[in-house]
Amino acid sequence: MFSEGGCGNGEIANMIDLFNLVCPTLAKLEKDIIWYEYGQIMGKIYQWTNYLEDLESTEPDHRFYDRFNQFMKKYYTDMHFKPSKVYVSGE
């Protein structure tokens, strides 16, 4: 779905861009279904983008994936404990 080439060829950036683009629409949809399908991915991406945003908080014009981070800040606490598919599991 998100792959455009070999490993490390921008797949993560493509996912972040896609989630940032569709977040205004996600708020109007059934969030439980979206979270079940993509929760693990969205949670990890949110950790990264929120970290980057915190690093650059001194520059008001420099925001990392603003729409995605706003959506996740609003809904992450409620969604975090709901079930989601596991795409990667490390032991």
PDB file of N, CA and C in Angstrom:
ATOM      1  N   MET A   1       0.809  -1.192   0.000  1.00  0.00           N
ATOM      2  CA  MET A   1       0.000   0.000   0.000  1.00  0.00           C
ATOM      3  C   MET A   1       0.859   1.266   0.000  1.00  0.00           C
ATOM      4  N   PHE A   2       1.913   1.285   0.789  1.00  0.00           N
ATOM      5  CA  PHE A   2       2.712   2.490   0.911  1.00  0.00           C
ATOM      6  C   PHE A   2       4.068   2.372   0.238  1.00  0.00           C
ATOM      7  N   SER A   3       4.433   1.191  -0.195  1.00  0.00           N
ATOM      8  CA  SER A   3       5.773   0.973  -0.706  1.00  0.00           C
ATOM      9  C   SER A   3       5.914   1.516  -2.117  1.00  0.00           C
ATOM     10  N   GLU A   4       6.970   2.239  -2.338  1.00  0.00           N
ATOM     11  CA  GLU A   4       7.296   2.721  -3.683  1.00  0.00           C
ATOM     12  C   GLU A   4       8.769   2.479  -3.922  1.00  0.00           C
ATOM     13  N   GLY A   5       9.140   1.244  -4.006  1.00  0.00           N
ATOM     14  CA  GLY A   5      10.533   0.935  -4.252  1.00  0.00           C
ATOM     15  C   GLY A   5      11.100   0.063  -3.158  1.00  0.00           C
ATOM     16  N   GLY A   6      12.415   0.030  -3.099  1.00  0.00           N
ATOM     17  CA  GLY A   6      13.100  -0.833  -2.160  1.00  0.00           C
ATOM     18  C   GLY A   6      13.044  -0.330  -0.731  1.00  0.00           C
ATOM     19  N   CYS A   7      13.628  -1.106   0.128  1.00  0.00           N
ATOM     20  CA  CYS A   7      13.643  -0.802   1.549  1.00  0.00           C
ATOM     21  C   CYS A   7      14.297   0.561   1.793  1.00  0.00           C
ATOM     22  N   GLY A   8      13.661   1.374   2.609  1.00  0.00           N
ATOM     23  CA  GLY A   8      14.231   2.673   2.947  1.00  0.00           C
ATOM     24  C   GLY A   8      14.118   3.701   1.843  1.00  0.00           C
ATOM     25  N   ASN A   9      13.202   3.474   0.921  1.00  0.00           N
ATOM     26  CA  ASN A   9      13.072   4.387  -0.216  1.00  0.00           C
ATOM     27  C   ASN A   9      11.905   5.352  -0.034  1.00  0.00           C
ATOM     28  N   GLY A  10      11.667   5.780   1.200  1.00  0.00           N
ATOM     29  CA  GLY A  10      10.653   6.784   1.447  1.00  0.00           C
ATOM     30  C   GLY A  10       9.308   6.275   1.902  1.00  0.00           C
ATOM     31  N   GLU A  11       9.191   4.995   2.244  1.00  0.00           N
ATOM     32  CA  GLU A  11       7.892   4.446   2.634  1.00  0.00           C
ATOM     33  C   GLU A  11       7.354   5.116   3.894  1.00  0.00           C
ATOM     34  N   ILE A  12       8.212   5.360   4.879  1.00  0.00           N
ATOM     35  CA  ILE A  12       7.772   5.976   6.129  1.00  0.00           C
ATOM     36  C   ILE A  12       7.322   7.407   5.859  1.00  0.00           C
ATOM     37  N   ALA A  13       8.077   8.139   5.089  1.00  0.00           N
ATOM     38  CA  ALA A  13       7.685   9.510   4.749  1.00  0.00           C
ATOM     39  C   ALA A  13       6.364   9.519   3.989  1.00  0.00           C
ATOM     40  N   ASN A  14       6.147   8.537   3.113  1.00  0.00           N
ATOM     41  CA  ASN A  14       4.881   8.449   2.384  1.00  0.00           C
ATOM     42  C   ASN A  14       3.715   8.213   3.337  1.00  0.00           C
ATOM     43  N   MET A  15       3.902   7.343   4.328  1.00  0.00           N
ATOM     44  CA  MET A  15       2.837   7.089   5.301  1.00  0.00           C
ATOM     45  C   MET A  15       2.525   8.338   6.109  1.00  0.00           C
ATOM     46  N   ILE A  16       3.567   9.028   6.567  1.00  0.00           N
ATOM     47  CA  ILE A  16       3.356  10.236   7.362  1.00  0.00           C
ATOM     48  C   ILE A  16       2.631  11.289   6.526  1.00  0.00           C
ATOM     49  N   ASP A  17       3.052  11.475   5.287  1.00  0.00           N
ATOM     50  CA  ASP A  17       2.393  12.439   4.403  1.00  0.00           C
ATOM     51  C   ASP A  17       0.928  12.082   4.194  1.00  0.00           C
ATOM     52  N   LEU A  18       0.645  10.796   3.985  1.00  0.00           N
ATOM     53  CA  LEU A  18      -0.729  10.365   3.769  1.00  0.00           C
ATOM     54  C   LEU A  18      -1.586  10.623   4.999  1.00  0.00           C
ATOM     55  N   PHE A  19      -1.103  10.218   6.186  1.00  0.00           N
ATOM     56  CA  PHE A  19      -1.879  10.445   7.401  1.00  0.00           C
ATOM     57  C   PHE A  19      -2.078  11.934   7.644  1.00  0.00           C
ATOM     58  N   ASN A  20      -1.073  12.748   7.389  1.00  0.00           N
ATOM     59  CA  ASN A  20      -1.199  14.192   7.566  1.00  0.00           C
ATOM     60  C   ASN A  20      -2.248  14.761   6.607  1.00  0.00           C
ATOM     61  N   LEU A  21      -2.298  14.227   5.402  1.00  0.00           N
ATOM     62  CA  LEU A  21      -3.243  14.699   4.397  1.00  0.00           C
ATOM     63  C   LEU A  21      -4.687  14.344   4.752  1.00  0.00           C
ATOM     64  N   VAL A  22      -4.917  13.128   5.246  1.00  0.00           N
ATOM     65  CA  VAL A  22      -6.291  12.663   5.471  1.00  0.00           C
ATOM     66  C   VAL A  22      -6.809  12.894   6.891  1.00  0.00           C
ATOM     67  N   CYS A  23      -6.003  13.404   7.788  1.00  0.00           N
ATOM     68  CA  CYS A  23      -6.450  13.580   9.173  1.00  0.00           C
ATOM     69  C   CYS A  23      -7.702  14.434   9.327  1.00  0.00           C
ATOM     70  N   PRO A  24      -7.886  15.506   8.575  1.00  0.00           N
ATOM     71  CA  PRO A  24      -9.150  16.241   8.722  1.00  0.00           C
ATOM     72  C   PRO A  24     -10.367  15.363   8.417  1.00  0.00           C
ATOM     73  N   THR A  25     -10.227  14.417   7.495  1.00  0.00           N
ATOM     74  CA  THR A  25     -11.313  13.504   7.168  1.00  0.00           C
ATOM     75  C   THR A  25     -11.440  12.400   8.207  1.00  0.00           C
ATOM     76  N   LEU A  26     -10.329  11.944   8.771  1.00  0.00           N
ATOM     77  CA  LEU A  26     -10.367  10.866   9.764  1.00  0.00           C
ATOM     78  C   LEU A  26     -11.224  11.240  10.966  1.00  0.00           C
ATOM     79  N   ALA A  27     -11.214  12.497  11.342  1.00  0.00           N
ATOM     80  CA  ALA A  27     -11.988  12.931  12.501  1.00  0.00           C
ATOM     81  C   ALA A  27     -13.489  12.746  12.283  1.00  0.00           C
ATOM     82  N   LYS A  28     -13.924  12.707  11.011  1.00  0.00           N
ATOM     83  CA  LYS A  28     -15.339  12.539  10.692  1.00  0.00           C
ATOM     84  C   LYS A  28     -15.735  11.075  10.509  1.00  0.00           C
ATOM     85  N   LEU A  29     -14.755  10.181  10.432  1.00  0.00           N
ATOM     86  CA  LEU A  29     -15.019   8.762  10.196  1.00  0.00           C
ATOM     87  C   LEU A  29     -15.048   7.983  11.507  1.00  0.00           C
ATOM     88  N   GLU A  30     -15.285   6.703  11.420  1.00  0.00           N
ATOM     89  CA  GLU A  30     -15.288   5.834  12.586  1.00  0.00           C
ATOM     90  C   GLU A  30     -13.843   5.602  13.015  1.00  0.00           C
ATOM     91  N   LYS A  31     -13.437   6.297  14.047  1.00  0.00           N
ATOM     92  CA  LYS A  31     -12.037   6.255  14.490  1.00  0.00           C
ATOM     93  C   LYS A  31     -11.619   4.883  14.997  1.00  0.00           C
ATOM     94  N   ASP A  32     -12.549   4.106  15.550  1.00  0.00           N
ATOM     95  CA  ASP A  32     -12.199   2.774  16.045  1.00  0.00           C
ATOM     96  C   ASP A  32     -11.732   1.851  14.919  1.00  0.00           C
ATOM     97  N   ILE A  33     -12.369   1.945  13.783  1.00  0.00           N
ATOM     98  CA  ILE A  33     -11.978   1.109  12.637  1.00  0.00           C
ATOM     99  C   ILE A  33     -10.622   1.553  12.104  1.00  0.00           C
ATOM    100  N   ILE A  34     -10.437   2.867  11.964  1.00  0.00           N
ATOM    101  CA  ILE A  34      -9.153   3.395  11.498  1.00  0.00           C
ATOM    102  C   ILE A  34      -8.049   2.968  12.461  1.00  0.00           C
ATOM    103  N   TRP A  35      -8.320   3.104  13.757  1.00  0.00           N
ATOM    104  CA  TRP A  35      -7.304   2.753  14.758  1.00  0.00           C
ATOM    105  C   TRP A  35      -7.011   1.262  14.723  1.00  0.00           C
ATOM    106  N   TYR A  36      -8.033   0.430  14.545  1.00  0.00           N
ATOM    107  CA  TYR A  36      -7.790  -1.008  14.497  1.00  0.00           C
ATOM    108  C   TYR A  36      -6.855  -1.353  13.341  1.00  0.00           C
ATOM    109  N   GLU A  37      -7.067  -0.750  12.198  1.00  0.00           N
ATOM    110  CA  GLU A  37      -6.260  -1.065  11.025  1.00  0.00           C
ATOM    111  C   GLU A  37      -4.847  -0.478  11.092  1.00  0.00           C
ATOM    112  N   TYR A  38      -4.721   0.762  11.589  1.00  0.00           N
ATOM    113  CA  TYR A  38      -3.443   1.472  11.489  1.00  0.00           C
ATOM    114  C   TYR A  38      -2.913   1.995  12.814  1.00  0.00           C
ATOM    115  N   GLY A  39      -3.479   1.552  13.926  1.00  0.00           N
ATOM    116  CA  GLY A  39      -3.113   2.097  15.226  1.00  0.00           C
ATOM    117  C   GLY A  39      -1.644   1.970  15.578  1.00  0.00           C
ATOM    118  N   GLN A  40      -1.065   0.812  15.345  1.00  0.00           N
ATOM    119  CA  GLN A  40       0.352   0.630  15.684  1.00  0.00           C
ATOM    120  C   GLN A  40       1.219   1.590  14.867  1.00  0.00           C
ATOM    121  N   ILE A  41       0.915   1.722  13.599  1.00  0.00           N
ATOM    122  CA  ILE A  41       1.688   2.603  12.723  1.00  0.00           C
ATOM    123  C   ILE A  41       1.483   4.059  13.127  1.00  0.00           C
ATOM    124  N   MET A  42       0.230   4.445  13.341  1.00  0.00           N
ATOM    125  CA  MET A  42      -0.072   5.833  13.702  1.00  0.00           C
ATOM    126  C   MET A  42       0.543   6.207  15.044  1.00  0.00           C
ATOM    127  N   GLY A  43       0.517   5.285  16.001  1.00  0.00           N
ATOM    128  CA  GLY A  43       1.099   5.557  17.311  1.00  0.00           C
ATOM    129  C   GLY A  43       2.592   5.809  17.238  1.00  0.00           C
ATOM    130  N   LYS A  44       3.297   4.992  16.475  1.00  0.00           N
ATOM    131  CA  LYS A  44       4.745   5.160  16.346  1.00  0.00           C
ATOM    132  C   LYS A  44       5.086   6.432  15.571  1.00  0.00           C
ATOM    133  N   ILE A  45       4.343   6.692  14.500  1.00  0.00           N
ATOM    134  CA  ILE A  45       4.576   7.916  13.737  1.00  0.00           C
ATOM    135  C   ILE A  45       4.335   9.139  14.620  1.00  0.00           C
ATOM    136  N   TYR A  46       3.304   9.079  15.442  1.00  0.00           N
ATOM    137  CA  TYR A  46       3.015  10.197  16.342  1.00  0.00           C
ATOM    138  C   TYR A  46       4.160  10.416  17.330  1.00  0.00           C
ATOM    139  N   GLN A  47       4.750   9.347  17.827  1.00  0.00           N
ATOM    140  CA  GLN A  47       5.903   9.506  18.723  1.00  0.00           C
ATOM    141  C   GLN A  47       7.024  10.260  18.013  1.00  0.00           C
ATOM    142  N   TRP A  48       7.288   9.904  16.765  1.00  0.00           N
ATOM    143  CA  TRP A  48       8.372  10.550  16.006  1.00  0.00           C
ATOM    144  C   TRP A  48       8.047  12.006  15.705  1.00  0.00           C
ATOM    145  N   THR A  49       6.854  12.261  15.139  1.00  0.00           N
ATOM    146  CA  THR A  49       6.525  13.619  14.717  1.00  0.00           C
ATOM    147  C   THR A  49       6.338  14.549  15.914  1.00  0.00           C
ATOM    148  N   ASN A  50       5.802  14.034  16.995  1.00  0.00           N
ATOM    149  CA  ASN A  50       5.646  14.852  18.192  1.00  0.00           C
ATOM    150  C   ASN A  50       7.014  15.199  18.780  1.00  0.00           C
ATOM    151  N   TYR A  51       7.928  14.255  18.752  1.00  0.00           N
ATOM    152  CA  TYR A  51       9.299  14.502  19.218  1.00  0.00           C
ATOM    153  C   TYR A  51       9.961  15.598  18.373  1.00  0.00           C
ATOM    154  N   LEU A  52       9.813  15.490  17.051  1.00  0.00           N
ATOM    155  CA  LEU A  52      10.389  16.503  16.160  1.00  0.00           C
ATOM    156  C   LEU A  52       9.750  17.866  16.390  1.00  0.00           C
ATOM    157  N   GLU A  53       8.459  17.874  16.593  1.00  0.00           N
ATOM    158  CA  GLU A  53       7.769  19.132  16.846  1.00  0.00           C
ATOM    159  C   GLU A  53       8.250  19.758  18.151  1.00  0.00           C
ATOM    160  N   ASP A  54       8.458  18.948  19.180  1.00  0.00           N
ATOM    161  CA  ASP A  54       8.958  19.458  20.454  1.00  0.00           C
ATOM    162  C   ASP A  54      10.372  20.021  20.310  1.00  0.00           C
ATOM    163  N   LEU A  55      11.202  19.397  19.501  1.00  0.00           N
ATOM    164  CA  LEU A  55      12.558  19.903  19.281  1.00  0.00           C
ATOM    165  C   LEU A  55      12.560  21.273  18.620  1.00  0.00           C
ATOM    166  N   GLU A  56      11.625  21.453  17.723  1.00  0.00           N
ATOM    167  CA  GLU A  56      11.585  22.690  16.943  1.00  0.00           C
ATOM    168  C   GLU A  56      10.553  23.678  17.476  1.00  0.00           C
ATOM    169  N   SER A  57      10.112  23.516  18.712  1.00  0.00           N
ATOM    170  CA  SER A  57       9.044  24.361  19.247  1.00  0.00           C
ATOM    171  C   SER A  57       9.457  25.822  19.372  1.00  0.00           C
ATOM    172  N   THR A  58      10.749  26.102  19.321  1.00  0.00           N
ATOM    173  CA  THR A  58      11.210  27.486  19.420  1.00  0.00           C
ATOM    174  C   THR A  58      10.988  28.250  18.123  1.00  0.00           C
ATOM    175  N   GLU A  59      10.736  27.545  17.034  1.00  0.00           N
ATOM    176  CA  GLU A  59      10.488  28.175  15.739  1.00  0.00           C
ATOM    177  C   GLU A  59       9.002  28.025  15.397  1.00  0.00           C
ATOM    178  N   PRO A  60       8.195  29.064  15.582  1.00  0.00           N
ATOM    179  CA  PRO A  60       6.741  28.933  15.401  1.00  0.00           C
ATOM    180  C   PRO A  60       6.310  28.585  13.984  1.00  0.00           C
ATOM    181  N   ASP A  61       7.083  28.948  12.975  1.00  0.00           N
ATOM    182  CA  ASP A  61       6.691  28.657  11.595  1.00  0.00           C
ATOM    183  C   ASP A  61       7.112  27.263  11.148  1.00  0.00           C
ATOM    184  N   HIS A  62       7.865  26.586  11.969  1.00  0.00           N
ATOM    185  CA  HIS A  62       8.394  25.271  11.598  1.00  0.00           C
ATOM    186  C   HIS A  62       7.618  24.190  12.344  1.00  0.00           C
ATOM    187  N   ARG A  63       6.633  23.589  11.680  1.00  0.00           N
ATOM    188  CA  ARG A  63       5.786  22.568  12.307  1.00  0.00           C
ATOM    189  C   ARG A  63       5.923  21.268  11.518  1.00  0.00           C
ATOM    190  N   PHE A  64       5.992  20.170  12.227  1.00  0.00           N
ATOM    191  CA  PHE A  64       6.091  18.857  11.595  1.00  0.00           C
ATOM    192  C   PHE A  64       4.718  18.201  11.551  1.00  0.00           C
ATOM    193  N   TYR A  65       4.161  18.067  10.367  1.00  0.00           N
ATOM    194  CA  TYR A  65       2.920  17.336  10.165  1.00  0.00           C
ATOM    195  C   TYR A  65       1.852  17.806  11.150  1.00  0.00           C
ATOM    196  N   ASP A  66       1.541  19.062  11.042  1.00  0.00           N
ATOM    197  CA  ASP A  66       0.666  19.757  11.970  1.00  0.00           C
ATOM    198  C   ASP A  66      -0.714  19.108  12.088  1.00  0.00           C
ATOM    199  N   ARG A  67      -1.348  18.777  10.964  1.00  0.00           N
ATOM    200  CA  ARG A  67      -2.704  18.202  11.018  1.00  0.00           C
ATOM    201  C   ARG A  67      -2.702  16.833  11.686  1.00  0.00           C
ATOM    202  N   PHE A  68      -1.708  16.020  11.381  1.00  0.00           N
ATOM    203  CA  PHE A  68      -1.612  14.701  11.999  1.00  0.00           C
ATOM    204  C   PHE A  68      -1.405  14.823  13.501  1.00  0.00           C
ATOM    205  N   ASN A  69      -0.485  15.684  13.918  1.00  0.00           N
ATOM    206  CA  ASN A  69      -0.220  15.853  15.347  1.00  0.00           C
ATOM    207  C   ASN A  69      -1.428  16.418  16.083  1.00  0.00           C
ATOM    208  N   GLN A  70      -2.163  17.337  15.477  1.00  0.00           N
ATOM    209  CA  GLN A  70      -3.369  17.865  16.116  1.00  0.00           C
ATOM    210  C   GLN A  70      -4.404  16.763  16.299  1.00  0.00           C
ATOM    211  N   PHE A  71      -4.604  15.943  15.275  1.00  0.00           N
ATOM    212  CA  PHE A  71      -5.549  14.835  15.361  1.00  0.00           C
ATOM    213  C   PHE A  71      -5.146  13.873  16.468  1.00  0.00           C
ATOM    214  N   MET A  72      -3.881  13.507  16.503  1.00  0.00           N
ATOM    215  CA  MET A  72      -3.426  12.536  17.495  1.00  0.00           C
ATOM    216  C   MET A  72      -3.464  13.117  18.906  1.00  0.00           C
ATOM    217  N   LYS A  73      -3.132  14.383  19.080  1.00  0.00           N
ATOM    218  CA  LYS A  73      -3.217  14.997  20.408  1.00  0.00           C
ATOM    219  C   LYS A  73      -4.646  14.967  20.929  1.00  0.00           C
ATOM    220  N   LYS A  74      -5.593  15.129  20.033  1.00  0.00           N
ATOM    221  CA  LYS A  74      -6.995  15.150  20.427  1.00  0.00           C
ATOM    222  C   LYS A  74      -7.536  13.760  20.746  1.00  0.00           C
ATOM    223  N   TYR A  75      -7.130  12.729  19.980  1.00  0.00           N
ATOM    224  CA  TYR A  75      -7.746  11.410  20.096  1.00  0.00           C
ATOM    225  C   TYR A  75      -6.835  10.309  20.632  1.00  0.00           C
ATOM    226  N   TYR A  76      -5.555  10.550  20.748  1.00  0.00           N
ATOM    227  CA  TYR A  76      -4.609   9.474  21.097  1.00  0.00           C
ATOM    228  C   TYR A  76      -4.910   8.848  22.463  1.00  0.00           C
ATOM    229  N   THR A  77      -5.227   9.648  23.454  1.00  0.00           N
ATOM    230  CA  THR A  77      -5.485   9.110  24.793  1.00  0.00           C
ATOM    231  C   THR A  77      -6.640   8.125  24.768  1.00  0.00           C
ATOM    232  N   ASP A  78      -7.689   8.437  24.031  1.00  0.00           N
ATOM    233  CA  ASP A  78      -8.845   7.535  23.942  1.00  0.00           C
ATOM    234  C   ASP A  78      -8.540   6.289  23.120  1.00  0.00           C
ATOM    235  N   MET A  79      -7.779   6.441  22.059  1.00  0.00           N
ATOM    236  CA  MET A  79      -7.535   5.334  21.143  1.00  0.00           C
ATOM    237  C   MET A  79      -6.418   4.400  21.609  1.00  0.00           C
ATOM    238  N   HIS A  80      -5.500   4.916  22.386  1.00  0.00           N
ATOM    239  CA  HIS A  80      -4.286   4.167  22.733  1.00  0.00           C
ATOM    240  C   HIS A  80      -4.571   2.788  23.332  1.00  0.00           C
ATOM    241  N   PHE A  81      -5.598   2.651  24.119  1.00  0.00           N
ATOM    242  CA  PHE A  81      -5.871   1.380  24.796  1.00  0.00           C
ATOM    243  C   PHE A  81      -6.856   0.500  24.032  1.00  0.00           C
ATOM    244  N   LYS A  82      -7.266   0.917  22.862  1.00  0.00           N
ATOM    245  CA  LYS A  82      -8.161   0.102  22.047  1.00  0.00           C
ATOM    246  C   LYS A  82      -7.328  -0.862  21.198  1.00  0.00           C
ATOM    247  N   PRO A  83      -7.926  -1.974  20.786  1.00  0.00           N
ATOM    248  CA  PRO A  83      -7.157  -2.963  20.008  1.00  0.00           C
ATOM    249  C   PRO A  83      -6.775  -2.435  18.632  1.00  0.00           C
ATOM    250  N   SER A  84      -5.639  -2.922  18.142  1.00  0.00           N
ATOM    251  CA  SER A  84      -5.198  -2.602  16.789  1.00  0.00           C
ATOM    252  C   SER A  84      -4.413  -3.772  16.242  1.00  0.00           C
ATOM    253  N   LYS A  85      -4.300  -3.823  14.934  1.00  0.00           N
ATOM    254  CA  LYS A  85      -3.509  -4.866  14.285  1.00  0.00           C
ATOM    255  C   LYS A  85      -2.050  -4.701  14.659  1.00  0.00           C
ATOM    256  N   VAL A  86      -1.359  -5.817  14.745  1.00  0.00           N
ATOM    257  CA  VAL A  86       0.077  -5.784  15.017  1.00  0.00           C
ATOM    258  C   VAL A  86       0.802  -6.077  13.708  1.00  0.00           C
ATOM    259  N   TYR A  87       1.555  -5.103  13.235  1.00  0.00           N
ATOM    260  CA  TYR A  87       2.302  -5.268  11.996  1.00  0.00           C
ATOM    261  C   TYR A  87       3.733  -5.739  12.274  1.00  0.00           C
ATOM    262  N   VAL A  88       4.302  -5.261  13.371  1.00  0.00           N
ATOM    263  CA  VAL A  88       5.656  -5.630  13.741  1.00  0.00           C
ATOM    264  C   VAL A  88       5.677  -5.877  15.245  1.00  0.00           C
ATOM    265  N   SER A  89       6.313  -6.982  15.620  1.00  0.00           N
ATOM    266  CA  SER A  89       6.428  -7.300  17.036  1.00  0.00           C
ATOM    267  C   SER A  89       7.872  -7.699  17.310  1.00  0.00           C
ATOM    268  N   GLY A  90       8.468  -7.058  18.284  1.00  0.00           N
ATOM    269  CA  GLY A  90       9.844  -7.387  18.647  1.00  0.00           C
ATOM    270  C   GLY A  90       9.891  -8.093  19.993  1.00  0.00           C
ATOM    271  N   GLU A  91      10.772  -9.036  20.113  1.00  0.00           N
ATOM    272  CA  GLU A  91      10.884  -9.760  21.386  1.00  0.00           C
ATOM    273  C   GLU A  91      12.250  -9.555  21.977  1.00  0.00           C
TER     274      GLU A  91
END
